[in-house]
Amino acid sequence: MNLPPLHPALVHLPLAFVVLSFLADLFSRITRRDSLRIVGFWALMAALVGGLATIAAGYFDMNRAALNAQTHEYVDLHLKIGWVLAVSLLILSLWRWRIWSNPPPQIGTGYLIAAFLVFALTMFQGWFGGEMVYTQGAGVAAAGQGTESKEEARPRLAKVKQLLSPGDKDVGGTGAGSEKQNGHGHKAGQK
């Protein structure tokens, strides 16, 4: 039995919880409402748990997808950004737990700045993952039914990859190395 990709089904939950946590904590600080602070805390804990499930699903999907070499490079970069995000989310959660357990729990400016940075990294990671799907067909059978052609869209993703991985080739997103491979770098169908 072939399962559909699981990562896309799970990824929206931690994304939403990170956004909710940041906004609840921000407005808690502005309005001094304890109910928002409580929402911010539990939303962040849910984001952490959901993020771990999303990472596991991402590995599972990557290792069974038939990706060409170029797309696999993007997925690998997405994975690295994901681990930076996961560690950042863990650190933020520990910080938030410390705030929660020290009465009276006050959300300081330093925490809000850190929460904003995790929020921004989360938004970037979500965008990058979406770009991989819509411009590279990562994890899906690309149908070519987008709002722009892949020739128009791919250079945007390639520019970001070049900024984050300056030593890599194929900056223009031309699709060289299109032989199908799975997540381990083997041709699809081989183990």
C-alpha atoms as a PDB file:
ATOM      1  CA  MET A   1       0.000   0.000   0.000  1.00  0.00           C
ATOM      2  CA  ASN A   2       1.386   3.402  -1.010  1.00  0.00           C
ATOM      3  CA  LEU A   3       0.747   6.162   1.473  1.00  0.00           C
ATOM      4  CA  PRO A   4       0.407   9.737   0.260  1.00  0.00           C
ATOM      5  CA  PRO A   5       2.985  12.211   1.590  1.00  0.00           C
ATOM      6  CA  LEU A   6       2.405  12.754   5.330  1.00  0.00           C
ATOM      7  CA  HIS A   7       4.556  15.846   5.904  1.00  0.00           C
ATOM      8  CA  PRO A   8       2.221  18.226   4.011  1.00  0.00           C
ATOM      9  CA  ALA A   9      -0.746  16.986   6.036  1.00  0.00           C
ATOM     10  CA  LEU A  10       0.982  17.710   9.361  1.00  0.00           C
ATOM     11  CA  VAL A  11       3.103  20.800   8.679  1.00  0.00           C
ATOM     12  CA  HIS A  12       0.289  23.338   8.913  1.00  0.00           C
ATOM     13  CA  LEU A  13      -0.450  22.521  12.548  1.00  0.00           C
ATOM     14  CA  PRO A  14       2.901  23.611  14.051  1.00  0.00           C
ATOM     15  CA  LEU A  15       3.012  26.588  11.667  1.00  0.00           C
ATOM     16  CA  ALA A  16      -0.348  27.776  12.980  1.00  0.00           C
ATOM     17  CA  PHE A  17       0.633  27.173  16.607  1.00  0.00           C
ATOM     18  CA  VAL A  18       3.858  29.188  16.267  1.00  0.00           C
ATOM     19  CA  VAL A  19       1.878  32.097  14.823  1.00  0.00           C
ATOM     20  CA  LEU A  20      -0.782  31.800  17.532  1.00  0.00           C
ATOM     21  CA  SER A  21       1.823  31.604  20.297  1.00  0.00           C
ATOM     22  CA  PHE A  22       3.717  34.668  19.112  1.00  0.00           C
ATOM     23  CA  LEU A  23       0.591  36.776  18.607  1.00  0.00           C
ATOM     24  CA  ALA A  24      -0.982  35.687  21.917  1.00  0.00           C
ATOM     25  CA  ASP A  25       2.210  36.518  23.825  1.00  0.00           C
ATOM     26  CA  LEU A  26       2.587  39.852  22.048  1.00  0.00           C
ATOM     27  CA  PHE A  27      -0.997  40.895  22.775  1.00  0.00           C
ATOM     28  CA  SER A  28      -0.715  39.530  26.311  1.00  0.00           C
ATOM     29  CA  ARG A  29       2.206  41.883  26.858  1.00  0.00           C
ATOM     30  CA  ILE A  30       0.295  44.818  25.352  1.00  0.00           C
ATOM     31  CA  THR A  31      -3.051  44.200  27.083  1.00  0.00           C
ATOM     32  CA  ARG A  32      -1.771  42.490  30.280  1.00  0.00           C
ATOM     33  CA  ARG A  33      -4.387  39.751  29.816  1.00  0.00           C
ATOM     34  CA  ASP A  34      -3.439  36.489  31.524  1.00  0.00           C
ATOM     35  CA  SER A  35      -5.725  34.470  29.259  1.00  0.00           C
ATOM     36  CA  LEU A  36      -3.611  35.414  26.223  1.00  0.00           C
ATOM     37  CA  ARG A  37      -0.413  34.502  28.056  1.00  0.00           C
ATOM     38  CA  ILE A  38      -1.866  31.057  28.807  1.00  0.00           C
ATOM     39  CA  VAL A  39      -2.859  30.603  25.162  1.00  0.00           C
ATOM     40  CA  GLY A  40       0.644  31.624  24.087  1.00  0.00           C
ATOM     41  CA  PHE A  41       2.244  29.067  26.396  1.00  0.00           C
ATOM     42  CA  TRP A  42       0.094  26.110  25.363  1.00  0.00           C
ATOM     43  CA  ALA A  43       0.233  27.036  21.673  1.00  0.00           C
ATOM     44  CA  LEU A  44       4.034  26.988  21.851  1.00  0.00           C
ATOM     45  CA  MET A  45       4.008  23.575  23.533  1.00  0.00           C
ATOM     46  CA  ALA A  46       1.654  22.283  20.818  1.00  0.00           C
ATOM     47  CA  ALA A  47       3.954  23.747  18.151  1.00  0.00           C
ATOM     48  CA  LEU A  48       6.893  21.852  19.637  1.00  0.00           C
ATOM     49  CA  VAL A  49       5.046  18.518  19.720  1.00  0.00           C
ATOM     50  CA  GLY A  50       3.549  19.093  16.274  1.00  0.00           C
ATOM     51  CA  GLY A  51       6.949  20.112  14.935  1.00  0.00           C
ATOM     52  CA  LEU A  52       8.496  16.831  16.084  1.00  0.00           C
ATOM     53  CA  ALA A  53       5.752  14.859  14.329  1.00  0.00           C
ATOM     54  CA  THR A  54       6.246  16.977  11.207  1.00  0.00           C
ATOM     55  CA  ILE A  55      10.002  16.333  11.190  1.00  0.00           C
ATOM     56  CA  ALA A  56       9.443  12.588  11.479  1.00  0.00           C
ATOM     57  CA  ALA A  57       6.920  12.684   8.642  1.00  0.00           C
ATOM     58  CA  GLY A  58       9.335  14.749   6.536  1.00  0.00           C
ATOM     59  CA  TYR A  59      12.080  12.136   6.914  1.00  0.00           C
ATOM     60  CA  PHE A  60       9.607   9.369   6.108  1.00  0.00           C
ATOM     61  CA  ASP A  61       8.397  11.148   2.971  1.00  0.00           C
ATOM     62  CA  MET A  62      11.898  12.153   1.822  1.00  0.00           C
ATOM     63  CA  ASN A  63      13.199   8.605   2.022  1.00  0.00           C
ATOM     64  CA  ARG A  64      10.462   7.204  -0.193  1.00  0.00           C
ATOM     65  CA  ALA A  65      10.066  10.043  -2.706  1.00  0.00           C
ATOM     66  CA  ALA A  66      11.495   9.753  -6.203  1.00  0.00           C
ATOM     67  CA  LEU A  67      13.339  13.087  -6.307  1.00  0.00           C
ATOM     68  CA  ASN A  68      15.713  14.222  -9.003  1.00  0.00           C
ATOM     69  CA  ALA A  69      19.147  15.400  -7.883  1.00  0.00           C
ATOM     70  CA  GLN A  70      18.306  19.118  -7.988  1.00  0.00           C
ATOM     71  CA  THR A  71      15.072  18.739  -6.044  1.00  0.00           C
ATOM     72  CA  HIS A  72      16.824  16.544  -3.502  1.00  0.00           C
ATOM     73  CA  GLU A  73      19.317  19.380  -2.898  1.00  0.00           C
ATOM     74  CA  TYR A  74      16.423  21.720  -2.120  1.00  0.00           C
ATOM     75  CA  VAL A  75      14.823  19.142   0.166  1.00  0.00           C
ATOM     76  CA  ASP A  76      18.152  18.666   1.939  1.00  0.00           C
ATOM     77  CA  LEU A  77      18.431  22.436   2.516  1.00  0.00           C
ATOM     78  CA  HIS A  78      14.810  22.472   3.753  1.00  0.00           C
ATOM     79  CA  LEU A  79      15.791  19.711   6.173  1.00  0.00           C
ATOM     80  CA  LYS A  80      18.761  21.709   7.497  1.00  0.00           C
ATOM     81  CA  ILE A  81      16.614  24.818   7.977  1.00  0.00           C
ATOM     82  CA  GLY A  82      14.063  22.583   9.701  1.00  0.00           C
ATOM     83  CA  TRP A  83      16.632  21.413  12.237  1.00  0.00           C
ATOM     84  CA  VAL A  84      17.678  25.010  12.951  1.00  0.00           C
ATOM     85  CA  LEU A  85      14.005  25.816  13.447  1.00  0.00           C
ATOM     86  CA  ALA A  86      13.462  22.767  15.680  1.00  0.00           C
ATOM     87  CA  VAL A  87      16.397  23.670  17.948  1.00  0.00           C
ATOM     88  CA  SER A  88      15.226  27.299  18.054  1.00  0.00           C
ATOM     89  CA  LEU A  89      11.712  26.183  18.938  1.00  0.00           C
ATOM     90  CA  LEU A  90      13.040  23.905  21.678  1.00  0.00           C
ATOM     91  CA  ILE A  91      15.133  26.712  23.188  1.00  0.00           C
ATOM     92  CA  LEU A  92      12.175  29.106  22.987  1.00  0.00           C
ATOM     93  CA  SER A  93       9.924  26.489  24.629  1.00  0.00           C
ATOM     94  CA  LEU A  94      12.386  25.984  27.483  1.00  0.00           C
ATOM     95  CA  TRP A  95      12.601  29.739  27.946  1.00  0.00           C
ATOM     96  CA  ARG A  96       8.813  29.988  27.888  1.00  0.00           C
ATOM     97  CA  TRP A  97       8.535  27.127  30.408  1.00  0.00           C
ATOM     98  CA  ARG A  98      10.868  29.033  32.733  1.00  0.00           C
ATOM     99  CA  ILE A  99       8.677  32.145  32.390  1.00  0.00           C
ATOM    100  CA  TRP A 100       5.585  30.021  33.065  1.00  0.00           C
ATOM    101  CA  SER A 101       7.009  28.465  36.232  1.00  0.00           C
ATOM    102  CA  ASN A 102       8.269  31.707  37.847  1.00  0.00           C
ATOM    103  CA  PRO A 103       5.415  33.709  39.345  1.00  0.00           C
ATOM    104  CA  PRO A 104       4.409  36.216  38.348  1.00  0.00           C
ATOM    105  CA  PRO A 105       5.004  35.079  34.767  1.00  0.00           C
ATOM    106  CA  GLN A 106       6.121  38.147  32.812  1.00  0.00           C
ATOM    107  CA  ILE A 107       6.841  38.075  29.113  1.00  0.00           C
ATOM    108  CA  GLY A 108       9.814  40.342  28.546  1.00  0.00           C
ATOM    109  CA  THR A 109      11.037  42.165  25.476  1.00  0.00           C
ATOM    110  CA  GLY A 110      13.944  39.736  25.021  1.00  0.00           C
ATOM    111  CA  TYR A 111      11.591  36.779  24.871  1.00  0.00           C
ATOM    112  CA  LEU A 112       9.292  38.560  22.409  1.00  0.00           C
ATOM    113  CA  ILE A 113      12.237  39.352  20.126  1.00  0.00           C
ATOM    114  CA  ALA A 114      13.334  35.712  20.220  1.00  0.00           C
ATOM    115  CA  ALA A 115       9.739  34.583  19.616  1.00  0.00           C
ATOM    116  CA  PHE A 116       9.528  36.939  16.635  1.00  0.00           C
ATOM    117  CA  LEU A 117      12.735  35.462  15.180  1.00  0.00           C
ATOM    118  CA  VAL A 118      11.337  31.924  15.545  1.00  0.00           C
ATOM    119  CA  PHE A 119       8.077  33.160  13.998  1.00  0.00           C
ATOM    120  CA  ALA A 120       9.987  34.696  11.061  1.00  0.00           C
ATOM    121  CA  LEU A 121      12.060  31.534  10.545  1.00  0.00           C
ATOM    122  CA  THR A 122       8.858  29.479  10.655  1.00  0.00           C
ATOM    123  CA  MET A 123       7.277  31.662   7.975  1.00  0.00           C
ATOM    124  CA  PHE A 124      10.405  31.409   5.818  1.00  0.00           C
ATOM    125  CA  GLN A 125      10.520  27.625   6.200  1.00  0.00           C
ATOM    126  CA  GLY A 126       6.845  27.365   5.244  1.00  0.00           C
ATOM    127  CA  TRP A 127       7.434  29.528   2.176  1.00  0.00           C
ATOM    128  CA  PHE A 128      10.525  27.527   1.182  1.00  0.00           C
ATOM    129  CA  GLY A 129       8.656  24.227   1.516  1.00  0.00           C
ATOM    130  CA  GLY A 130       5.796  25.554  -0.579  1.00  0.00           C
ATOM    131  CA  GLU A 131       8.195  26.809  -3.238  1.00  0.00           C
ATOM    132  CA  MET A 132       9.777  23.338  -3.429  1.00  0.00           C
ATOM    133  CA  VAL A 133       6.372  21.787  -4.028  1.00  0.00           C
ATOM    134  CA  TYR A 134       5.115  24.365  -6.516  1.00  0.00           C
ATOM    135  CA  THR A 135       8.333  24.979  -8.467  1.00  0.00           C
ATOM    136  CA  GLN A 136      10.121  21.633  -8.190  1.00  0.00           C
ATOM    137  CA  GLY A 137       7.204  19.257  -7.680  1.00  0.00           C
ATOM    138  CA  ALA A 138       8.861  17.951  -4.496  1.00  0.00           C
ATOM    139  CA  GLY A 139       6.784  15.110  -3.131  1.00  0.00           C
ATOM    140  CA  VAL A 140       4.044  15.411  -5.741  1.00  0.00           C
ATOM    141  CA  ALA A 141       3.495  14.470  -9.326  1.00  0.00           C
ATOM    142  CA  ALA A 142       3.855  17.976 -10.796  1.00  0.00           C
ATOM    143  CA  ALA A 143       0.874  18.831 -12.978  1.00  0.00           C
ATOM    144  CA  GLY A 144       2.094  22.162 -14.368  1.00  0.00           C
ATOM    145  CA  GLN A 145      -1.122  23.897 -13.366  1.00  0.00           C
ATOM    146  CA  GLY A 146       0.270  26.797 -11.320  1.00  0.00           C
ATOM    147  CA  THR A 147      -0.151  30.541 -11.644  1.00  0.00           C
ATOM    148  CA  GLU A 148       3.246  30.869 -13.294  1.00  0.00           C
ATOM    149  CA  SER A 149       5.409  28.589 -15.384  1.00  0.00           C
ATOM    150  CA  LYS A 150       8.146  26.605 -13.675  1.00  0.00           C
ATOM    151  CA  GLU A 151      10.684  28.519 -15.789  1.00  0.00           C
ATOM    152  CA  GLU A 152       9.459  31.746 -14.176  1.00  0.00           C
ATOM    153  CA  ALA A 153       9.241  30.328 -10.644  1.00  0.00           C
ATOM    154  CA  ARG A 154      12.368  28.189 -10.306  1.00  0.00           C
ATOM    155  CA  PRO A 155      14.980  30.992 -10.382  1.00  0.00           C
ATOM    156  CA  ARG A 156      13.442  32.522  -7.232  1.00  0.00           C
ATOM    157  CA  LEU A 157      14.001  29.315  -5.268  1.00  0.00           C
ATOM    158  CA  ALA A 158      17.478  28.907  -6.758  1.00  0.00           C
ATOM    159  CA  LYS A 159      18.459  32.413  -5.556  1.00  0.00           C
ATOM    160  CA  VAL A 160      17.486  31.558  -1.994  1.00  0.00           C
ATOM    161  CA  LYS A 161      19.392  28.279  -2.199  1.00  0.00           C
ATOM    162  CA  GLN A 162      22.448  30.118  -3.501  1.00  0.00           C
ATOM    163  CA  LEU A 163      22.283  32.548  -0.562  1.00  0.00           C
ATOM    164  CA  LEU A 164      22.051  29.718   1.968  1.00  0.00           C
ATOM    165  CA  SER A 165      24.394  27.232   0.213  1.00  0.00           C
ATOM    166  CA  PRO A 166      26.863  29.367  -1.774  1.00  0.00           C
ATOM    167  CA  GLY A 167      29.042  26.462  -2.977  1.00  0.00           C
ATOM    168  CA  ASP A 168      26.255  24.580  -4.796  1.00  0.00           C
ATOM    169  CA  LYS A 169      25.893  24.446  -8.568  1.00  0.00           C
ATOM    170  CA  ASP A 170      22.835  24.919 -10.829  1.00  0.00           C
ATOM    171  CA  VAL A 171      21.932  28.352  -9.504  1.00  0.00           C
ATOM    172  CA  GLY A 172      19.561  29.100 -12.351  1.00  0.00           C
ATOM    173  CA  GLY A 173      17.226  26.262 -11.459  1.00  0.00           C
ATOM    174  CA  THR A 174      17.609  24.653 -14.863  1.00  0.00           C
ATOM    175  CA  GLY A 175      16.834  21.191 -13.599  1.00  0.00           C
ATOM    176  CA  ALA A 176      20.098  19.547 -14.598  1.00  0.00           C
ATOM    177  CA  GLY A 177      20.544  16.118 -13.136  1.00  0.00           C
ATOM    178  CA  SER A 178      16.919  15.132 -13.529  1.00  0.00           C
ATOM    179  CA  GLU A 179      17.469  11.398 -13.026  1.00  0.00           C
ATOM    180  CA  LYS A 180      14.949  10.152 -10.499  1.00  0.00           C
ATOM    181  CA  GLN A 181      16.412   9.460  -7.066  1.00  0.00           C
ATOM    182  CA  ASN A 182      14.996   8.664  -3.671  1.00  0.00           C
ATOM    183  CA  GLY A 183      15.954  10.376  -0.409  1.00  0.00           C
ATOM    184  CA  HIS A 184      19.152   8.329  -0.096  1.00  0.00           C
ATOM    185  CA  GLY A 185      20.533   9.517  -3.449  1.00  0.00           C
ATOM    186  CA  HIS A 186      19.770   6.222  -5.201  1.00  0.00           C
ATOM    187  CA  LYS A 187      17.828   5.855  -8.403  1.00  0.00           C
ATOM    188  CA  ALA A 188      14.116   5.382  -7.723  1.00  0.00           C
ATOM    189  CA  GLY A 189      13.297   1.732  -7.344  1.00  0.00           C
ATOM    190  CA  GLN A 190      16.777   0.810  -6.062  1.00  0.00           C
ATOM    191  CA  LYS A 191      17.689   0.226  -2.436  1.00  0.00           C
END
